Amino acid sequence: MKETLEFKLSTPIKEVYKGNKKDNNTSIEVDTLFLKAPTYKHKDHILKLKQAFLRRMISLAGKSDDSKQTSTDEEDSKLDSKAIKAILLFSEYDISEYFKLFKDFCMLEICFIDDKFNCELGFREFNKLSIEDTENLVALYLENFFSVSWLRTVS
């Protein structure tokens, strides 16, 4: 599994302030986010995300006639970001709640605005993400760090 992920924003975040003291802040434009893989210290948030995602998968599988998958090959059963996005958006559960869970998770030393992982993306900056970027970020993160292990859970 990868340890980091680079996510190119389709709509850059303008006026991100880098620094601690208001007088010394530097305004920059962010066009790429850098994300770390979760660790054990993130377990509570990971379990909430996993549970909510699996509920969505099960609710959609119940609606589908061809939901039975017989493949045990890891590559065949891996979800890509497009499938993950569809599962999140087309289930009967409230997607805004899932995005709030993911946002809270990102604030735990997961999402950064620099490739050295020194400057975290804050709530203010996260709120400046476009809808498209937010959806794609959630789906790509889940694909890269969670999908294979989550599918093992339901197989």
C-alpha atoms as a PDB file:
ATOM      1  CA  MET A   1       0.000   0.000   0.000  1.00  0.00           C
ATOM      2  CA  LYS A   2       1.166   3.515  -0.752  1.00  0.00           C
ATOM      3  CA  GLU A   3       2.160   5.749   2.130  1.00  0.00           C
ATOM      4  CA  THR A   4       1.233   9.044   0.437  1.00  0.00           C
ATOM      5  CA  LEU A   5      -1.043  10.366  -2.268  1.00  0.00           C
ATOM      6  CA  GLU A   6      -0.767  13.485  -4.403  1.00  0.00           C
ATOM      7  CA  PHE A   7      -4.095  15.027  -5.459  1.00  0.00           C
ATOM      8  CA  LYS A   8      -4.166  17.675  -8.194  1.00  0.00           C
ATOM      9  CA  LEU A   9      -7.060  20.119  -7.685  1.00  0.00           C
ATOM     10  CA  SER A  10      -9.161  21.028 -10.720  1.00  0.00           C
ATOM     11  CA  THR A  11      -9.916  24.374  -9.046  1.00  0.00           C
ATOM     12  CA  PRO A  12      -6.978  25.766  -7.038  1.00  0.00           C
ATOM     13  CA  ILE A  13      -7.624  27.146  -3.566  1.00  0.00           C
ATOM     14  CA  LYS A  14      -6.856  30.869  -3.515  1.00  0.00           C
ATOM     15  CA  GLU A  15      -5.540  32.783  -0.522  1.00  0.00           C
ATOM     16  CA  VAL A  16      -4.254  29.975   1.625  1.00  0.00           C
ATOM     17  CA  TYR A  17      -2.215  31.391   4.459  1.00  0.00           C
ATOM     18  CA  LYS A  18       0.928  29.524   5.311  1.00  0.00           C
ATOM     19  CA  GLY A  19       2.434  30.278   8.712  1.00  0.00           C
ATOM     20  CA  ASN A  20       1.460  30.637  12.343  1.00  0.00           C
ATOM     21  CA  LYS A  21       1.511  34.334  13.201  1.00  0.00           C
ATOM     22  CA  LYS A  22      -0.930  36.587  11.397  1.00  0.00           C
ATOM     23  CA  ASP A  23       1.771  39.134  10.586  1.00  0.00           C
ATOM     24  CA  ASN A  24       4.101  36.520   9.107  1.00  0.00           C
ATOM     25  CA  ASN A  25       1.535  34.636   7.025  1.00  0.00           C
ATOM     26  CA  THR A  26       2.240  34.220   3.364  1.00  0.00           C
ATOM     27  CA  SER A  27      -0.688  34.003   0.974  1.00  0.00           C
ATOM     28  CA  ILE A  28      -0.304  31.250  -1.611  1.00  0.00           C
ATOM     29  CA  GLU A  29      -2.463  29.480  -4.164  1.00  0.00           C
ATOM     30  CA  VAL A  30      -2.726  25.713  -3.646  1.00  0.00           C
ATOM     31  CA  ASP A  31      -3.220  23.483  -6.687  1.00  0.00           C
ATOM     32  CA  THR A  32      -2.137  20.154  -5.163  1.00  0.00           C
ATOM     33  CA  LEU A  33      -2.920  18.413  -1.898  1.00  0.00           C
ATOM     34  CA  PHE A  34      -0.659  15.820  -0.321  1.00  0.00           C
ATOM     35  CA  LEU A  35      -2.236  13.086   1.763  1.00  0.00           C
ATOM     36  CA  LYS A  36      -0.827  10.494   4.126  1.00  0.00           C
ATOM     37  CA  ALA A  37      -2.042   6.965   4.641  1.00  0.00           C
ATOM     38  CA  PRO A  38      -3.971   6.446   7.857  1.00  0.00           C
ATOM     39  CA  THR A  39      -2.333   4.942  10.904  1.00  0.00           C
ATOM     40  CA  TYR A  40      -3.622   3.289  14.037  1.00  0.00           C
ATOM     41  CA  LYS A  41      -4.116   6.666  15.709  1.00  0.00           C
ATOM     42  CA  HIS A  42      -6.849   7.333  13.111  1.00  0.00           C
ATOM     43  CA  LYS A  43      -8.710   4.092  13.906  1.00  0.00           C
ATOM     44  CA  ASP A  44     -11.872   5.699  15.302  1.00  0.00           C
ATOM     45  CA  HIS A  45     -12.364   7.819  12.197  1.00  0.00           C
ATOM     46  CA  ILE A  46     -11.404   4.973   9.868  1.00  0.00           C
ATOM     47  CA  LEU A  47     -13.976   2.673  11.464  1.00  0.00           C
ATOM     48  CA  LYS A  48     -16.716   5.301  11.076  1.00  0.00           C
ATOM     49  CA  LEU A  49     -15.797   5.854   7.418  1.00  0.00           C
ATOM     50  CA  LYS A  50     -15.608   2.118   6.783  1.00  0.00           C
ATOM     51  CA  GLN A  51     -18.957   1.414   8.436  1.00  0.00           C
ATOM     52  CA  ALA A  52     -20.714   4.218   6.568  1.00  0.00           C
ATOM     53  CA  PHE A  53     -19.209   3.150   3.230  1.00  0.00           C
ATOM     54  CA  LEU A  54     -20.102  -0.516   3.707  1.00  0.00           C
ATOM     55  CA  ARG A  55     -23.687   0.461   4.567  1.00  0.00           C
ATOM     56  CA  ARG A  56     -23.841   2.303   1.256  1.00  0.00           C
ATOM     57  CA  MET A  57     -22.434  -0.690  -0.616  1.00  0.00           C
ATOM     58  CA  ILE A  58     -24.921  -3.052   0.999  1.00  0.00           C
ATOM     59  CA  SER A  59     -27.865  -0.752   0.315  1.00  0.00           C
ATOM     60  CA  LEU A  60     -26.910  -0.572  -3.366  1.00  0.00           C
ATOM     61  CA  ALA A  61     -26.178  -4.305  -3.600  1.00  0.00           C
ATOM     62  CA  GLY A  62     -29.652  -5.013  -2.282  1.00  0.00           C
ATOM     63  CA  LYS A  63     -31.122  -3.031  -5.173  1.00  0.00           C
ATOM     64  CA  SER A  64     -29.064  -4.823  -7.830  1.00  0.00           C
ATOM     65  CA  ASP A  65     -29.953  -8.204  -9.347  1.00  0.00           C
ATOM     66  CA  ASP A  66     -26.378  -8.902 -10.400  1.00  0.00           C
ATOM     67  CA  SER A  67     -24.729  -7.997  -7.087  1.00  0.00           C
ATOM     68  CA  LYS A  68     -23.167 -11.451  -6.596  1.00  0.00           C
ATOM     69  CA  GLN A  69     -19.463 -11.363  -7.256  1.00  0.00           C
ATOM     70  CA  THR A  70     -17.582 -14.630  -7.349  1.00  0.00           C
ATOM     71  CA  SER A  71     -14.083 -13.342  -8.053  1.00  0.00           C
ATOM     72  CA  THR A  72     -11.554 -13.605  -5.251  1.00  0.00           C
ATOM     73  CA  ASP A  73      -8.736 -12.007  -7.221  1.00  0.00           C
ATOM     74  CA  GLU A  74      -7.670  -8.816  -5.431  1.00  0.00           C
ATOM     75  CA  GLU A  75      -7.298  -6.847  -8.674  1.00  0.00           C
ATOM     76  CA  ASP A  76     -10.721  -7.928  -9.925  1.00  0.00           C
ATOM     77  CA  SER A  77     -12.411  -6.930  -6.691  1.00  0.00           C
ATOM     78  CA  LYS A  78     -10.680  -3.567  -6.209  1.00  0.00           C
ATOM     79  CA  LEU A  79     -12.968  -0.568  -6.487  1.00  0.00           C
ATOM     80  CA  ASP A  80     -11.731   2.382  -8.505  1.00  0.00           C
ATOM     81  CA  SER A  81     -12.508   5.991  -7.637  1.00  0.00           C
ATOM     82  CA  LYS A  82     -15.382   6.198 -10.160  1.00  0.00           C
ATOM     83  CA  ALA A  83     -17.133   3.189  -8.613  1.00  0.00           C
ATOM     84  CA  ILE A  84     -16.533   4.537  -5.110  1.00  0.00           C
ATOM     85  CA  LYS A  85     -17.967   7.909  -6.093  1.00  0.00           C
ATOM     86  CA  ALA A  86     -21.043   6.207  -7.551  1.00  0.00           C
ATOM     87  CA  ILE A  87     -21.552   4.144  -4.397  1.00  0.00           C
ATOM     88  CA  LEU A  88     -21.312   7.252  -2.234  1.00  0.00           C
ATOM     89  CA  LEU A  89     -23.602   9.382  -4.379  1.00  0.00           C
ATOM     90  CA  PHE A  90     -26.277   6.855  -5.343  1.00  0.00           C
ATOM     91  CA  SER A  91     -26.944   5.208  -2.005  1.00  0.00           C
ATOM     92  CA  GLU A  92     -29.919   6.078   0.148  1.00  0.00           C
ATOM     93  CA  TYR A  93     -27.757   7.491   2.956  1.00  0.00           C
ATOM     94  CA  ASP A  94     -26.968  11.180   3.463  1.00  0.00           C
ATOM     95  CA  ILE A  95     -23.789  11.958   1.522  1.00  0.00           C
ATOM     96  CA  SER A  96     -23.197  15.225   3.385  1.00  0.00           C
ATOM     97  CA  GLU A  97     -22.704  13.288   6.626  1.00  0.00           C
ATOM     98  CA  TYR A  98     -20.073  11.105   4.952  1.00  0.00           C
ATOM     99  CA  PHE A  99     -18.241  14.160   3.649  1.00  0.00           C
ATOM    100  CA  LYS A 100     -18.275  15.666   7.169  1.00  0.00           C
ATOM    101  CA  LEU A 101     -16.725  12.461   8.520  1.00  0.00           C
ATOM    102  CA  PHE A 102     -14.057  12.583   5.818  1.00  0.00           C
ATOM    103  CA  LYS A 103     -13.354  16.272   6.446  1.00  0.00           C
ATOM    104  CA  ASP A 104     -12.878  15.629  10.169  1.00  0.00           C
ATOM    105  CA  PHE A 105     -10.584  12.725   9.306  1.00  0.00           C
ATOM    106  CA  CYS A 106      -8.478  14.936   7.011  1.00  0.00           C
ATOM    107  CA  MET A 107      -7.890  17.378   9.860  1.00  0.00           C
ATOM    108  CA  LEU A 108      -5.978  14.680  11.787  1.00  0.00           C
ATOM    109  CA  GLU A 109      -2.582  15.174  10.113  1.00  0.00           C
ATOM    110  CA  ILE A 110      -3.770  13.501   6.914  1.00  0.00           C
ATOM    111  CA  CYS A 111      -4.058  16.332   4.361  1.00  0.00           C
ATOM    112  CA  PHE A 112      -1.269  18.831   3.643  1.00  0.00           C
ATOM    113  CA  ILE A 113      -0.635  21.693   1.227  1.00  0.00           C
ATOM    114  CA  ASP A 114       3.074  20.978   0.823  1.00  0.00           C
ATOM    115  CA  ASP A 115       4.974  17.918  -0.342  1.00  0.00           C
ATOM    116  CA  LYS A 116       7.149  17.946   2.800  1.00  0.00           C
ATOM    117  CA  PHE A 117       4.022  17.364   4.951  1.00  0.00           C
ATOM    118  CA  ASN A 118       4.742  20.371   7.167  1.00  0.00           C
ATOM    119  CA  CYS A 119       1.693  22.570   6.526  1.00  0.00           C
ATOM    120  CA  GLU A 120      -1.690  20.947   7.130  1.00  0.00           C
ATOM    121  CA  LEU A 121      -4.814  21.846   5.202  1.00  0.00           C
ATOM    122  CA  GLY A 122      -7.108  23.561   7.698  1.00  0.00           C
ATOM    123  CA  PHE A 123     -10.907  23.681   7.997  1.00  0.00           C
ATOM    124  CA  ARG A 124     -11.028  27.092   6.320  1.00  0.00           C
ATOM    125  CA  GLU A 125      -9.063  25.877   3.325  1.00  0.00           C
ATOM    126  CA  PHE A 126     -10.966  22.588   3.136  1.00  0.00           C
ATOM    127  CA  ASN A 127     -14.188  24.604   2.898  1.00  0.00           C
ATOM    128  CA  LYS A 128     -12.763  26.383  -0.154  1.00  0.00           C
ATOM    129  CA  LEU A 129     -12.503  23.113  -2.123  1.00  0.00           C
ATOM    130  CA  SER A 130     -14.864  22.887  -5.078  1.00  0.00           C
ATOM    131  CA  ILE A 131     -17.628  20.281  -4.925  1.00  0.00           C
ATOM    132  CA  GLU A 132     -15.992  18.353  -7.758  1.00  0.00           C
ATOM    133  CA  ASP A 133     -12.608  18.355  -6.018  1.00  0.00           C
ATOM    134  CA  THR A 134     -14.176  17.268  -2.725  1.00  0.00           C
ATOM    135  CA  GLU A 135     -15.991  14.328  -4.332  1.00  0.00           C
ATOM    136  CA  ASN A 136     -12.907  13.278  -6.273  1.00  0.00           C
ATOM    137  CA  LEU A 137     -10.626  13.635  -3.242  1.00  0.00           C
ATOM    138  CA  VAL A 138     -12.841  11.408  -1.104  1.00  0.00           C
ATOM    139  CA  ALA A 139     -13.145   8.776  -3.846  1.00  0.00           C
ATOM    140  CA  LEU A 140      -9.434   8.747  -4.711  1.00  0.00           C
ATOM    141  CA  TYR A 141      -8.385   8.541  -1.058  1.00  0.00           C
ATOM    142  CA  LEU A 142     -10.758   5.632  -0.452  1.00  0.00           C
ATOM    143  CA  GLU A 143      -9.531   3.885  -3.598  1.00  0.00           C
ATOM    144  CA  ASN A 144      -5.858   4.203  -2.674  1.00  0.00           C
ATOM    145  CA  PHE A 145      -5.969   3.500   1.027  1.00  0.00           C
ATOM    146  CA  PHE A 146      -9.147   1.574   1.837  1.00  0.00           C
ATOM    147  CA  SER A 147     -10.933  -0.221  -0.999  1.00  0.00           C
ATOM    148  CA  VAL A 148      -9.029  -3.528  -1.075  1.00  0.00           C
ATOM    149  CA  SER A 149      -9.112  -4.054   2.694  1.00  0.00           C
ATOM    150  CA  TRP A 150     -12.768  -3.022   2.862  1.00  0.00           C
ATOM    151  CA  LEU A 151     -13.764  -5.476   0.165  1.00  0.00           C
ATOM    152  CA  ARG A 152     -12.015  -8.248   2.078  1.00  0.00           C
ATOM    153  CA  THR A 153     -14.355  -7.416   4.958  1.00  0.00           C
ATOM    154  CA  VAL A 154     -17.481  -8.174   2.910  1.00  0.00           C
ATOM    155  CA  SER A 155     -16.149 -11.161   0.945  1.00  0.00           C
END
